[in-house]
Amino acid sequence: TTRPTSHSDPTYTIDDVLHYGVPNMPGAVPRTSSLALANATLPYAL
């Protein structure tokens, strides 16, 4: 019953169960995420 949502509209309810389906969750903490991602991708990109 899950489907993609967004940070600005993250939830919906089915059978009185709240569903959260944001596919890019780390995008809510972009500075931490960008630094962590680059730490991993940089050697491969180079």
ModelCIF file with pLDDT and N, C-alpha, C, O atoms, coordinates in Angstrom:
data_MODEL
#
_entry.id   MODEL 
#
_entity.id                         1 
_entity.type                       polymer 
_entity.pdbx_number_of_molecules   1 
#
_entity_poly.entity_id                      1 
_entity_poly.type                           'polypeptide(L)' 
_entity_poly.nstd_linkage                   no 
_entity_poly.nstd_monomer                   no 
_entity_poly.pdbx_seq_one_letter_code       TTRPTSHSDPTYTIDDVLHYGVPNMPGAVPRTSSLALANATLPYAL 
_entity_poly.pdbx_seq_one_letter_code_can   TTRPTSHSDPTYTIDDVLHYGVPNMPGAVPRTSSLALANATLPYAL 
_entity_poly.pdbx_strand_id                 A 
#
loop_
_entity_poly_seq.entity_id 
_entity_poly_seq.num 
_entity_poly_seq.mon_id 
_entity_poly_seq.hetero 
1 1  THR n 
1 2  THR n 
1 3  ARG n 
1 4  PRO n 
1 5  THR n 
1 6  SER n 
1 7  HIS n 
1 8  SER n 
1 9  ASP n 
1 10 PRO n 
1 11 THR n 
1 12 TYR n 
1 13 THR n 
1 14 ILE n 
1 15 ASP n 
1 16 ASP n 
1 17 VAL n 
1 18 LEU n 
1 19 HIS n 
1 20 TYR n 
1 21 GLY n 
1 22 VAL n 
1 23 PRO n 
1 24 ASN n 
1 25 MET n 
1 26 PRO n 
1 27 GLY n 
1 28 ALA n 
1 29 VAL n 
1 30 PRO n 
1 31 ARG n 
1 32 THR n 
1 33 SER n 
1 34 SER n 
1 35 LEU n 
1 36 ALA n 
1 37 LEU n 
1 38 ALA n 
1 39 ASN n 
1 40 ALA n 
1 41 THR n 
1 42 LEU n 
1 43 PRO n 
1 44 TYR n 
1 45 ALA n 
1 46 LEU n 
#
_struct_asym.id          A 
_struct_asym.entity_id   1 
#
loop_
_ma_qa_metric.id 
_ma_qa_metric.mode 
_ma_qa_metric.name 
_ma_qa_metric.software_group_id 
_ma_qa_metric.type 
1 global pLDDT . pLDDT 
2 local  pLDDT . pLDDT 
#
_ma_qa_metric_global.metric_id      1 
_ma_qa_metric_global.metric_value   95.11 
_ma_qa_metric_global.model_id       1 
_ma_qa_metric_global.ordinal_id     1 
#
loop_
_ma_qa_metric_local.label_asym_id 
_ma_qa_metric_local.label_comp_id 
_ma_qa_metric_local.label_seq_id 
_ma_qa_metric_local.metric_id 
_ma_qa_metric_local.metric_value 
_ma_qa_metric_local.model_id 
_ma_qa_metric_local.ordinal_id 
A THR 1  2 96.00 1 1  
A THR 2  2 95.00 1 2  
A ARG 3  2 94.00 1 3  
A PRO 4  2 94.00 1 4  
A THR 5  2 95.00 1 5  
A SER 6  2 92.00 1 6  
A HIS 7  2 91.00 1 7  
A SER 8  2 90.00 1 8  
A ASP 9  2 94.00 1 9  
A PRO 10 2 95.00 1 10 
A THR 11 2 97.00 1 11 
A TYR 12 2 97.00 1 12 
A THR 13 2 97.00 1 13 
A ILE 14 2 97.00 1 14 
A ASP 15 2 95.00 1 15 
A ASP 16 2 96.00 1 16 
A VAL 17 2 97.00 1 17 
A LEU 18 2 98.00 1 18 
A HIS 19 2 98.00 1 19 
A TYR 20 2 97.00 1 20 
A GLY 21 2 96.00 1 21 
A VAL 22 2 94.00 1 22 
A PRO 23 2 89.00 1 23 
A ASN 24 2 86.00 1 24 
A MET 25 2 93.00 1 25 
A PRO 26 2 93.00 1 26 
A GLY 27 2 90.00 1 27 
A ALA 28 2 93.00 1 28 
A VAL 29 2 96.00 1 29 
A PRO 30 2 96.00 1 30 
A ARG 31 2 96.00 1 31 
A THR 32 2 97.00 1 32 
A SER 33 2 96.00 1 33 
A SER 34 2 97.00 1 34 
A LEU 35 2 97.00 1 35 
A ALA 36 2 96.00 1 36 
A LEU 37 2 96.00 1 37 
A ALA 38 2 97.00 1 38 
A ASN 39 2 96.00 1 39 
A ALA 40 2 96.00 1 40 
A THR 41 2 97.00 1 41 
A LEU 42 2 97.00 1 42 
A PRO 43 2 96.00 1 43 
A TYR 44 2 96.00 1 44 
A ALA 45 2 97.00 1 45 
A LEU 46 2 97.00 1 46 
#
loop_
_atom_site.group_PDB 
_atom_site.id 
_atom_site.type_symbol 
_atom_site.label_atom_id 
_atom_site.label_alt_id 
_atom_site.label_comp_id 
_atom_site.label_asym_id 
_atom_site.label_entity_id 
_atom_site.label_seq_id 
_atom_site.pdbx_PDB_ins_code 
_atom_site.Cartn_x 
_atom_site.Cartn_y 
_atom_site.Cartn_z 
_atom_site.occupancy 
_atom_site.B_iso_or_equiv 
_atom_site.pdbx_formal_charge 
_atom_site.auth_seq_id 
_atom_site.auth_comp_id 
_atom_site.auth_asym_id 
_atom_site.auth_atom_id 
_atom_site.pdbx_PDB_model_num 
ATOM 1   N N  . THR A 1 1  ? 0.800  -1.219 0.000   1.00 96.00 ? 1  THR A N  1 
ATOM 2   C CA . THR A 1 1  ? 0.000  0.000  0.000   1.00 96.00 ? 1  THR A CA 1 
ATOM 3   C C  . THR A 1 1  ? 0.840  1.280  0.000   1.00 96.00 ? 1  THR A C  1 
ATOM 4   O O  . THR A 1 1  ? 0.282  2.375  0.062   1.00 96.00 ? 1  THR A O  1 
ATOM 5   N N  . THR A 1 2  ? 2.150  1.165  -0.067  1.00 95.00 ? 2  THR A N  1 
ATOM 6   C CA . THR A 1 2  ? 2.958  2.380  -0.100  1.00 95.00 ? 2  THR A CA 1 
ATOM 7   C C  . THR A 1 2  ? 3.130  2.870  -1.530  1.00 95.00 ? 2  THR A C  1 
ATOM 8   O O  . THR A 1 2  ? 3.149  2.087  -2.479  1.00 95.00 ? 2  THR A O  1 
ATOM 9   N N  . ARG A 1 3  ? 3.254  4.179  -1.658  1.00 94.00 ? 3  ARG A N  1 
ATOM 10  C CA . ARG A 1 3  ? 3.514  4.835  -2.934  1.00 94.00 ? 3  ARG A CA 1 
ATOM 11  C C  . ARG A 1 3  ? 4.417  6.035  -2.659  1.00 94.00 ? 3  ARG A C  1 
ATOM 12  O O  . ARG A 1 3  ? 4.454  6.536  -1.535  1.00 94.00 ? 3  ARG A O  1 
ATOM 13  N N  . PRO A 1 4  ? 5.141  6.500  -3.670  1.00 94.00 ? 4  PRO A N  1 
ATOM 14  C CA . PRO A 1 4  ? 6.035  7.637  -3.447  1.00 94.00 ? 4  PRO A CA 1 
ATOM 15  C C  . PRO A 1 4  ? 5.285  8.903  -3.055  1.00 94.00 ? 4  PRO A C  1 
ATOM 16  O O  . PRO A 1 4  ? 4.252  9.228  -3.640  1.00 94.00 ? 4  PRO A O  1 
ATOM 17  N N  . THR A 1 5  ? 5.809  9.614  -2.061  1.00 95.00 ? 5  THR A N  1 
ATOM 18  C CA . THR A 1 5  ? 5.270  10.911 -1.650  1.00 95.00 ? 5  THR A CA 1 
ATOM 19  C C  . THR A 1 5  ? 6.412  11.925 -1.721  1.00 95.00 ? 5  THR A C  1 
ATOM 20  O O  . THR A 1 5  ? 7.390  11.702 -2.434  1.00 95.00 ? 5  THR A O  1 
ATOM 21  N N  . SER A 1 6  ? 6.300  13.016 -1.004  1.00 92.00 ? 6  SER A N  1 
ATOM 22  C CA . SER A 1 6  ? 7.333  14.054 -1.051  1.00 92.00 ? 6  SER A CA 1 
ATOM 23  C C  . SER A 1 6  ? 7.514  14.649 0.333   1.00 92.00 ? 6  SER A C  1 
ATOM 24  O O  . SER A 1 6  ? 6.676  14.460 1.215   1.00 92.00 ? 6  SER A O  1 
ATOM 25  N N  . HIS A 1 7  ? 8.614  15.372 0.520   1.00 91.00 ? 7  HIS A N  1 
ATOM 26  C CA . HIS A 1 7  ? 8.863  16.014 1.811   1.00 91.00 ? 7  HIS A CA 1 
ATOM 27  C C  . HIS A 1 7  ? 7.785  17.044 2.142   1.00 91.00 ? 7  HIS A C  1 
ATOM 28  O O  . HIS A 1 7  ? 7.451  17.240 3.310   1.00 91.00 ? 7  HIS A O  1 
ATOM 29  N N  . SER A 1 8  ? 7.245  17.696 1.124   1.00 90.00 ? 8  SER A N  1 
ATOM 30  C CA . SER A 1 8  ? 6.230  18.708 1.380   1.00 90.00 ? 8  SER A CA 1 
ATOM 31  C C  . SER A 1 8  ? 4.845  18.099 1.597   1.00 90.00 ? 8  SER A C  1 
ATOM 32  O O  . SER A 1 8  ? 3.969  18.761 2.154   1.00 90.00 ? 8  SER A O  1 
ATOM 33  N N  . ASP A 1 9  ? 4.634  16.879 1.181   1.00 94.00 ? 9  ASP A N  1 
ATOM 34  C CA . ASP A 1 9  ? 3.355  16.179 1.386   1.00 94.00 ? 9  ASP A CA 1 
ATOM 35  C C  . ASP A 1 9  ? 3.669  14.707 1.618   1.00 94.00 ? 9  ASP A C  1 
ATOM 36  O O  . ASP A 1 9  ? 3.425  13.879 0.741   1.00 94.00 ? 9  ASP A O  1 
ATOM 37  N N  . PRO A 1 10 ? 4.210  14.367 2.796   1.00 95.00 ? 10 PRO A N  1 
ATOM 38  C CA . PRO A 1 10 ? 4.862  13.066 2.980   1.00 95.00 ? 10 PRO A CA 1 
ATOM 39  C C  . PRO A 1 10 ? 3.949  11.890 3.300   1.00 95.00 ? 10 PRO A C  1 
ATOM 40  O O  . PRO A 1 10 ? 4.354  10.744 3.107   1.00 95.00 ? 10 PRO A O  1 
ATOM 41  N N  . THR A 1 11 ? 2.735  12.131 3.781   1.00 97.00 ? 11 THR A N  1 
ATOM 42  C CA . THR A 1 11 ? 1.939  11.022 4.327   1.00 97.00 ? 11 THR A CA 1 
ATOM 43  C C  . THR A 1 11 ? 0.539  10.955 3.723   1.00 97.00 ? 11 THR A C  1 
ATOM 44  O O  . THR A 1 11 ? 0.020  11.924 3.168   1.00 97.00 ? 11 THR A O  1 
ATOM 45  N N  . TYR A 1 12 ? -0.037 9.783  3.855   1.00 97.00 ? 12 TYR A N  1 
ATOM 46  C CA . TYR A 1 12 ? -1.454 9.538  3.534   1.00 97.00 ? 12 TYR A CA 1 
ATOM 47  C C  . TYR A 1 12 ? -1.895 8.366  4.400   1.00 97.00 ? 12 TYR A C  1 
ATOM 48  O O  . TYR A 1 12 ? -1.061 7.671  4.981   1.00 97.00 ? 12 TYR A O  1 
ATOM 49  N N  . THR A 1 13 ? -3.192 8.149  4.486   1.00 97.00 ? 13 THR A N  1 
ATOM 50  C CA . THR A 1 13 ? -3.728 7.136  5.392   1.00 97.00 ? 13 THR A CA 1 
ATOM 51  C C  . THR A 1 13 ? -4.564 6.117  4.625   1.00 97.00 ? 13 THR A C  1 
ATOM 52  O O  . THR A 1 13 ? -5.398 6.480  3.795   1.00 97.00 ? 13 THR A O  1 
ATOM 53  N N  . ILE A 1 14 ? -4.331 4.835  4.913   1.00 97.00 ? 14 ILE A N  1 
ATOM 54  C CA . ILE A 1 14 ? -5.139 3.737  4.404   1.00 97.00 ? 14 ILE A CA 1 
ATOM 55  C C  . ILE A 1 14 ? -5.471 2.835  5.584   1.00 97.00 ? 14 ILE A C  1 
ATOM 56  O O  . ILE A 1 14 ? -4.583 2.460  6.350   1.00 97.00 ? 14 ILE A O  1 
ATOM 57  N N  . ASP A 1 15 ? -6.748 2.485  5.733   1.00 95.00 ? 15 ASP A N  1 
ATOM 58  C CA . ASP A 1 15 ? -7.188 1.629  6.843   1.00 95.00 ? 15 ASP A CA 1 
ATOM 59  C C  . ASP A 1 15 ? -6.719 2.167  8.193   1.00 95.00 ? 15 ASP A C  1 
ATOM 60  O O  . ASP A 1 15 ? -6.356 1.401  9.086   1.00 95.00 ? 15 ASP A O  1 
ATOM 61  N N  . ASP A 1 16 ? -6.731 3.479  8.328   1.00 96.00 ? 16 ASP A N  1 
ATOM 62  C CA . ASP A 1 16 ? -6.347 4.155  9.564   1.00 96.00 ? 16 ASP A CA 1 
ATOM 63  C C  . ASP A 1 16 ? -4.891 3.902  9.950   1.00 96.00 ? 16 ASP A C  1 
ATOM 64  O O  . ASP A 1 16 ? -4.518 4.011  11.118  1.00 96.00 ? 16 ASP A O  1 
ATOM 65  N N  . VAL A 1 17 ? -4.074 3.563  8.948   1.00 97.00 ? 17 VAL A N  1 
ATOM 66  C CA . VAL A 1 17 ? -2.624 3.417  9.151   1.00 97.00 ? 17 VAL A CA 1 
ATOM 67  C C  . VAL A 1 17 ? -1.934 4.511  8.337   1.00 97.00 ? 17 VAL A C  1 
ATOM 68  O O  . VAL A 1 17 ? -2.156 4.635  7.132   1.00 97.00 ? 17 VAL A O  1 
ATOM 69  N N  . LEU A 1 18 ? -1.100 5.298  9.003   1.00 98.00 ? 18 LEU A N  1 
ATOM 70  C CA . LEU A 1 18 ? -0.409 6.403  8.356   1.00 98.00 ? 18 LEU A CA 1 
ATOM 71  C C  . LEU A 1 18 ? 0.780  5.865  7.557   1.00 98.00 ? 18 LEU A C  1 
ATOM 72  O O  . LEU A 1 18 ? 1.598  5.109  8.082   1.00 98.00 ? 18 LEU A O  1 
ATOM 73  N N  . HIS A 1 19 ? 0.867  6.261  6.289   1.00 98.00 ? 19 HIS A N  1 
ATOM 74  C CA . HIS A 1 19 ? 1.945  5.821  5.400   1.00 98.00 ? 19 HIS A CA 1 
ATOM 75  C C  . HIS A 1 19 ? 2.859  6.997  5.074   1.00 98.00 ? 19 HIS A C  1 
ATOM 76  O O  . HIS A 1 19 ? 2.393  8.086  4.739   1.00 98.00 ? 19 HIS A O  1 
ATOM 77  N N  . TYR A 1 20 ? 4.170  6.763  5.177   1.00 97.00 ? 20 TYR A N  1 
ATOM 78  C CA . TYR A 1 20 ? 5.188  7.754  4.815   1.00 97.00 ? 20 TYR A CA 1 
ATOM 79  C C  . TYR A 1 20 ? 6.027  7.133  3.712   1.00 97.00 ? 20 TYR A C  1 
ATOM 80  O O  . TYR A 1 20 ? 6.677  6.111  3.930   1.00 97.00 ? 20 TYR A O  1 
ATOM 81  N N  . GLY A 1 21 ? 6.022  7.750  2.510   1.00 96.00 ? 21 GLY A N  1 
ATOM 82  C CA . GLY A 1 21 ? 6.686  7.127  1.365   1.00 96.00 ? 21 GLY A CA 1 
ATOM 83  C C  . GLY A 1 21 ? 7.633  8.044  0.628   1.00 96.00 ? 21 GLY A C  1 
ATOM 84  O O  . GLY A 1 21 ? 7.711  7.993  -0.600  1.00 96.00 ? 21 GLY A O  1 
ATOM 85  N N  . VAL A 1 22 ? 8.357  8.884  1.350   1.00 94.00 ? 22 VAL A N  1 
ATOM 86  C CA . VAL A 1 22 ? 9.293  9.806  0.699   1.00 94.00 ? 22 VAL A CA 1 
ATOM 87  C C  . VAL A 1 22 ? 10.496 9.021  0.173   1.00 94.00 ? 22 VAL A C  1 
ATOM 88  O O  . VAL A 1 22 ? 11.210 8.402  0.962   1.00 94.00 ? 22 VAL A O  1 
ATOM 89  N N  . PRO A 1 23 ? 10.739 9.032  -1.155  1.00 89.00 ? 23 PRO A N  1 
ATOM 90  C CA . PRO A 1 23 ? 11.837 8.220  -1.692  1.00 89.00 ? 23 PRO A CA 1 
ATOM 91  C C  . PRO A 1 23 ? 13.213 8.825  -1.501  1.00 89.00 ? 23 PRO A C  1 
ATOM 92  O O  . PRO A 1 23 ? 14.208 8.103  -1.556  1.00 89.00 ? 23 PRO A O  1 
ATOM 93  N N  . ASN A 1 24 ? 13.302 10.129 -1.278  1.00 86.00 ? 24 ASN A N  1 
ATOM 94  C CA . ASN A 1 24 ? 14.614 10.759 -1.085  1.00 86.00 ? 24 ASN A CA 1 
ATOM 95  C C  . ASN A 1 24 ? 14.708 11.328 0.328   1.00 86.00 ? 24 ASN A C  1 
ATOM 96  O O  . ASN A 1 24 ? 14.935 12.522 0.522   1.00 86.00 ? 24 ASN A O  1 
ATOM 97  N N  . MET A 1 25 ? 14.530 10.449 1.303   1.00 93.00 ? 25 MET A N  1 
ATOM 98  C CA . MET A 1 25 ? 14.545 10.877 2.698   1.00 93.00 ? 25 MET A CA 1 
ATOM 99  C C  . MET A 1 25 ? 15.800 11.672 3.059   1.00 93.00 ? 25 MET A C  1 
ATOM 100 O O  . MET A 1 25 ? 15.683 12.690 3.741   1.00 93.00 ? 25 MET A O  1 
ATOM 101 N N  . PRO A 1 26 ? 17.000 11.252 2.633   1.00 93.00 ? 26 PRO A N  1 
ATOM 102 C CA . PRO A 1 26 ? 18.191 12.015 3.014   1.00 93.00 ? 26 PRO A CA 1 
ATOM 103 C C  . PRO A 1 26 ? 18.193 13.451 2.499   1.00 93.00 ? 26 PRO A C  1 
ATOM 104 O O  . PRO A 1 26 ? 18.981 14.273 2.965   1.00 93.00 ? 26 PRO A O  1 
ATOM 105 N N  . GLY A 1 27 ? 17.313 13.760 1.537   1.00 90.00 ? 27 GLY A N  1 
ATOM 106 C CA . GLY A 1 27 ? 17.219 15.122 1.043   1.00 90.00 ? 27 GLY A CA 1 
ATOM 107 C C  . GLY A 1 27 ? 16.737 16.108 2.081   1.00 90.00 ? 27 GLY A C  1 
ATOM 108 O O  . GLY A 1 27 ? 16.867 17.316 1.887   1.00 90.00 ? 27 GLY A O  1 
ATOM 109 N N  . ALA A 1 28 ? 16.181 15.620 3.187   1.00 93.00 ? 28 ALA A N  1 
ATOM 110 C CA . ALA A 1 28 ? 15.728 16.504 4.264   1.00 93.00 ? 28 ALA A CA 1 
ATOM 111 C C  . ALA A 1 28 ? 16.894 17.008 5.112   1.00 93.00 ? 28 ALA A C  1 
ATOM 112 O O  . ALA A 1 28 ? 16.762 18.002 5.826   1.00 93.00 ? 28 ALA A O  1 
ATOM 113 N N  . VAL A 1 29 ? 18.021 16.330 5.034   1.00 96.00 ? 29 VAL A N  1 
ATOM 114 C CA . VAL A 1 29 ? 19.222 16.776 5.751   1.00 96.00 ? 29 VAL A CA 1 
ATOM 115 C C  . VAL A 1 29 ? 20.337 16.904 4.715   1.00 96.00 ? 29 VAL A C  1 
ATOM 116 O O  . VAL A 1 29 ? 21.306 16.146 4.743   1.00 96.00 ? 29 VAL A O  1 
ATOM 117 N N  . PRO A 1 30 ? 20.197 17.878 3.789   1.00 96.00 ? 30 PRO A N  1 
ATOM 118 C CA . PRO A 1 30 ? 21.042 17.899 2.593   1.00 96.00 ? 30 PRO A CA 1 
ATOM 119 C C  . PRO A 1 30 ? 22.519 18.124 2.849   1.00 96.00 ? 30 PRO A C  1 
ATOM 120 O O  . PRO A 1 30 ? 23.355 17.578 2.129   1.00 96.00 ? 30 PRO A O  1 
ATOM 121 N N  . ARG A 1 31 ? 22.863 18.914 3.859   1.00 96.00 ? 31 ARG A N  1 
ATOM 122 C CA . ARG A 1 31 ? 24.297 19.150 4.073   1.00 96.00 ? 31 ARG A CA 1 
ATOM 123 C C  . ARG A 1 31 ? 24.991 17.873 4.544   1.00 96.00 ? 31 ARG A C  1 
ATOM 124 O O  . ARG A 1 31 ? 26.024 17.483 3.999   1.00 96.00 ? 31 ARG A O  1 
ATOM 125 N N  . THR A 1 32 ? 24.417 17.226 5.559   1.00 97.00 ? 32 THR A N  1 
ATOM 126 C CA . THR A 1 32 ? 24.969 15.952 6.017   1.00 97.00 ? 32 THR A CA 1 
ATOM 127 C C  . THR A 1 32 ? 25.014 14.946 4.884   1.00 97.00 ? 32 THR A C  1 
ATOM 128 O O  . THR A 1 32 ? 26.020 14.263 4.690   1.00 97.00 ? 32 THR A O  1 
ATOM 129 N N  . SER A 1 33 ? 23.919 14.853 4.132   1.00 96.00 ? 33 SER A N  1 
ATOM 130 C CA . SER A 1 33 ? 23.817 13.845 3.080   1.00 96.00 ? 33 SER A CA 1 
ATOM 131 C C  . SER A 1 33 ? 24.787 14.112 1.938   1.00 96.00 ? 33 SER A C  1 
ATOM 132 O O  . SER A 1 33 ? 25.417 13.182 1.433   1.00 96.00 ? 33 SER A O  1 
ATOM 133 N N  . SER A 1 34 ? 24.917 15.371 1.525   1.00 97.00 ? 34 SER A N  1 
ATOM 134 C CA . SER A 1 34 ? 25.812 15.689 0.417   1.00 97.00 ? 34 SER A CA 1 
ATOM 135 C C  . SER A 1 34 ? 27.261 15.366 0.766   1.00 97.00 ? 34 SER A C  1 
ATOM 136 O O  . SER A 1 34 ? 27.994 14.813 -0.054  1.00 97.00 ? 34 SER A O  1 
ATOM 137 N N  . LEU A 1 35 ? 27.668 15.710 1.978   1.00 97.00 ? 35 LEU A N  1 
ATOM 138 C CA . LEU A 1 35 ? 29.032 15.418 2.412   1.00 97.00 ? 35 LEU A CA 1 
ATOM 139 C C  . LEU A 1 35 ? 29.264 13.913 2.523   1.00 97.00 ? 35 LEU A C  1 
ATOM 140 O O  . LEU A 1 35 ? 30.303 13.409 2.095   1.00 97.00 ? 35 LEU A O  1 
ATOM 141 N N  . ALA A 1 36 ? 28.296 13.197 3.098   1.00 96.00 ? 36 ALA A N  1 
ATOM 142 C CA . ALA A 1 36 ? 28.441 11.748 3.252   1.00 96.00 ? 36 ALA A CA 1 
ATOM 143 C C  . ALA A 1 36 ? 28.475 11.055 1.898   1.00 96.00 ? 36 ALA A C  1 
ATOM 144 O O  . ALA A 1 36 ? 29.256 10.125 1.698   1.00 96.00 ? 36 ALA A O  1 
ATOM 145 N N  . LEU A 1 37 ? 27.638 11.500 0.969   1.00 96.00 ? 37 LEU A N  1 
ATOM 146 C CA . LEU A 1 37 ? 27.608 10.895 -0.357  1.00 96.00 ? 37 LEU A CA 1 
ATOM 147 C C  . LEU A 1 37 ? 28.923 11.122 -1.091  1.00 96.00 ? 37 LEU A C  1 
ATOM 148 O O  . LEU A 1 37 ? 29.484 10.197 -1.677  1.00 96.00 ? 37 LEU A O  1 
ATOM 149 N N  . ALA A 1 38 ? 29.412 12.361 -1.054  1.00 97.00 ? 38 ALA A N  1 
ATOM 150 C CA . ALA A 1 38 ? 30.663 12.670 -1.758  1.00 97.00 ? 38 ALA A CA 1 
ATOM 151 C C  . ALA A 1 38 ? 31.848 11.910 -1.173  1.00 97.00 ? 38 ALA A C  1 
ATOM 152 O O  . ALA A 1 38 ? 32.761 11.531 -1.907  1.00 97.00 ? 38 ALA A O  1 
ATOM 153 N N  . ASN A 1 39 ? 31.844 11.682 0.139   1.00 96.00 ? 39 ASN A N  1 
ATOM 154 C CA . ASN A 1 39 ? 32.918 10.880 0.748   1.00 96.00 ? 39 ASN A CA 1 
ATOM 155 C C  . ASN A 1 39 ? 33.027 9.517  0.082   1.00 96.00 ? 39 ASN A C  1 
ATOM 156 O O  . ASN A 1 39 ? 34.122 8.983  -0.096  1.00 96.00 ? 39 ASN A O  1 
ATOM 157 N N  . ALA A 1 40 ? 31.867 8.959  -0.287  1.00 96.00 ? 40 ALA A N  1 
ATOM 158 C CA . ALA A 1 40 ? 31.845 7.619  -0.879  1.00 96.00 ? 40 ALA A CA 1 
ATOM 159 C C  . ALA A 1 40 ? 32.051 7.645  -2.388  1.00 96.00 ? 40 ALA A C  1 
ATOM 160 O O  . ALA A 1 40 ? 32.758 6.793  -2.927  1.00 96.00 ? 40 ALA A O  1 
ATOM 161 N N  . THR A 1 41 ? 31.443 8.611  -3.080  1.00 97.00 ? 41 THR A N  1 
ATOM 162 C CA . THR A 1 41 ? 31.467 8.598  -4.545  1.00 97.00 ? 41 THR A CA 1 
ATOM 163 C C  . THR A 1 41 ? 32.752 9.174  -5.146  1.00 97.00 ? 41 THR A C  1 
ATOM 164 O O  . THR A 1 41 ? 33.124 8.820  -6.264  1.00 97.00 ? 41 THR A O  1 
ATOM 165 N N  . LEU A 1 42 ? 33.427 10.057 -4.411  1.00 97.00 ? 42 LEU A N  1 
ATOM 166 C CA . LEU A 1 42 ? 34.555 10.785 -4.985  1.00 97.00 ? 42 LEU A CA 1 
ATOM 167 C C  . LEU A 1 42 ? 35.632 9.881  -5.588  1.00 97.00 ? 42 LEU A C  1 
ATOM 168 O O  . LEU A 1 42 ? 36.057 10.135 -6.715  1.00 97.00 ? 42 LEU A O  1 
ATOM 169 N N  . PRO A 1 43 ? 36.094 8.834  -4.888  1.00 96.00 ? 43 PRO A N  1 
ATOM 170 C CA . PRO A 1 43 ? 37.140 8.000  -5.503  1.00 96.00 ? 43 PRO A CA 1 
ATOM 171 C C  . PRO A 1 43 ? 36.697 7.361  -6.817  1.00 96.00 ? 43 PRO A C  1 
ATOM 172 O O  . PRO A 1 43 ? 37.492 7.235  -7.748  1.00 96.00 ? 43 PRO A O  1 
ATOM 173 N N  . TYR A 1 44 ? 35.429 6.960  -6.890  1.00 96.00 ? 44 TYR A N  1 
ATOM 174 C CA . TYR A 1 44 ? 34.922 6.330  -8.112  1.00 96.00 ? 44 TYR A CA 1 
ATOM 175 C C  . TYR A 1 44 ? 34.759 7.356  -9.228  1.00 96.00 ? 44 TYR A C  1 
ATOM 176 O O  . TYR A 1 44 ? 35.075 7.076  -10.385 1.00 96.00 ? 44 TYR A O  1 
ATOM 177 N N  . ALA A 1 45 ? 34.265 8.548  -8.881  1.00 97.00 ? 45 ALA A N  1 
ATOM 178 C CA . ALA A 1 45 ? 34.105 9.600  -9.884  1.00 97.00 ? 45 ALA A CA 1 
ATOM 179 C C  . ALA A 1 45 ? 35.459 10.026 -10.441 1.00 97.00 ? 45 ALA A C  1 
ATOM 180 O O  . ALA A 1 45 ? 35.596 10.254 -11.643 1.00 97.00 ? 45 ALA A O  1 
ATOM 181 N N  . LEU A 1 46 ? 36.451 10.133 -9.573  1.00 97.00 ? 46 LEU A N  1 
ATOM 182 C CA . LEU A 1 46 ? 37.799 10.468 -10.039 1.00 97.00 ? 46 LEU A CA 1 
ATOM 183 C C  . LEU A 1 46 ? 38.368 9.373  -10.935 1.00 97.00 ? 46 LEU A C  1 
ATOM 184 O O  . LEU A 1 46 ? 39.495 9.493  -11.416 1.00 97.00 ? 46 LEU A O  1 
#
